[in-house]
Amino acid sequence: MHQDHELHIRRRGRNFGLLAVLLAFIVVIFGLTVVKVTSGGFSEAFDHVARPALVPDASLNEVTE
């Protein structure tokens, strides 16, 4: 019967911990991406087109006398 060395057992535990952290990071990034795309933020991305939402309203800049 083959027994793993104590060092290999500790490394396996750390590797599983790192796997869990990386998977959690991937889930967070994927979740943020899904929320951004479904909320319409994707359509407001930088695509070299004038966005009406960023054009200042001219009526707000008029000086009343």
Protein backbone atom coordinates (compact mmCIF):
# COMPACT_ATOMS: atom_id res chain seq x y z
CA MET A 1 0.00 0.00 0.00
CA HIS A 2 1.28 3.45 -0.95
CA GLN A 3 1.20 6.28 1.56
CA ASP A 4 1.59 9.90 0.55
CA HIS A 5 4.27 11.90 2.27
CA GLU A 6 3.08 14.50 4.79
CA LEU A 7 4.37 17.30 2.56
CA HIS A 8 2.21 16.13 -0.34
CA ILE A 9 -0.86 16.00 1.87
CA ARG A 10 -0.29 19.62 2.98
CA ARG A 11 0.30 20.75 -0.60
CA ARG A 12 -2.89 19.05 -1.74
CA GLY A 13 -4.82 20.96 0.93
CA ARG A 14 -3.29 24.27 -0.16
CA ASN A 15 -3.97 23.48 -3.80
CA PHE A 16 -7.64 22.84 -3.05
CA GLY A 17 -7.76 26.12 -1.12
CA LEU A 18 -6.24 27.98 -4.06
CA LEU A 19 -8.71 26.27 -6.39
CA ALA A 20 -11.59 27.49 -4.21
CA VAL A 21 -10.26 31.07 -4.21
CA LEU A 22 -9.80 31.09 -7.99
CA LEU A 23 -13.25 29.63 -8.60
CA ALA A 24 -14.78 32.25 -6.29
CA PHE A 25 -12.97 35.00 -8.21
CA ILE A 26 -14.24 33.63 -11.53
CA VAL A 27 -17.80 33.46 -10.18
CA VAL A 28 -17.61 37.09 -8.99
CA ILE A 29 -16.29 38.34 -12.34
CA PHE A 30 -18.88 36.32 -14.25
CA GLY A 31 -21.66 37.62 -11.99
CA LEU A 32 -20.57 41.23 -12.47
CA THR A 33 -20.46 40.69 -16.23
CA VAL A 34 -23.96 39.21 -16.29
CA VAL A 35 -25.33 42.09 -14.20
CA LYS A 36 -23.65 44.70 -16.40
CA VAL A 37 -24.93 43.14 -19.63
CA THR A 38 -28.50 42.63 -18.38
CA SER A 39 -28.76 46.13 -16.87
CA GLY A 40 -27.98 47.81 -20.20
CA GLY A 41 -24.52 48.96 -19.20
CA PHE A 42 -23.07 47.07 -22.12
CA SER A 43 -24.84 49.36 -24.61
CA GLU A 44 -23.26 52.41 -22.95
CA ALA A 45 -19.73 51.15 -23.52
CA PHE A 46 -17.07 53.11 -25.36
CA ASP A 47 -17.82 52.43 -29.01
CA HIS A 48 -16.73 55.70 -30.70
CA VAL A 49 -20.31 56.95 -30.95
CA ALA A 50 -21.78 60.06 -29.35
CA ARG A 51 -23.87 59.14 -26.33
CA PRO A 52 -26.87 61.39 -25.68
CA ALA A 53 -26.61 60.70 -21.96
CA LEU A 54 -23.28 62.55 -21.85
CA VAL A 55 -24.31 65.64 -23.84
CA PRO A 56 -24.86 68.54 -21.44
CA ASP A 57 -28.33 70.05 -21.43
CA ALA A 58 -28.13 73.54 -22.98
CA SER A 59 -31.12 74.82 -21.01
CA LEU A 60 -29.27 74.27 -17.72
CA ASN A 61 -26.37 76.51 -18.80
CA GLU A 62 -28.46 79.59 -19.70
CA VAL A 63 -27.95 82.63 -17.52
CA THR A 64 -31.21 84.19 -16.37
CA GLU A 65 -31.26 87.99 -16.24
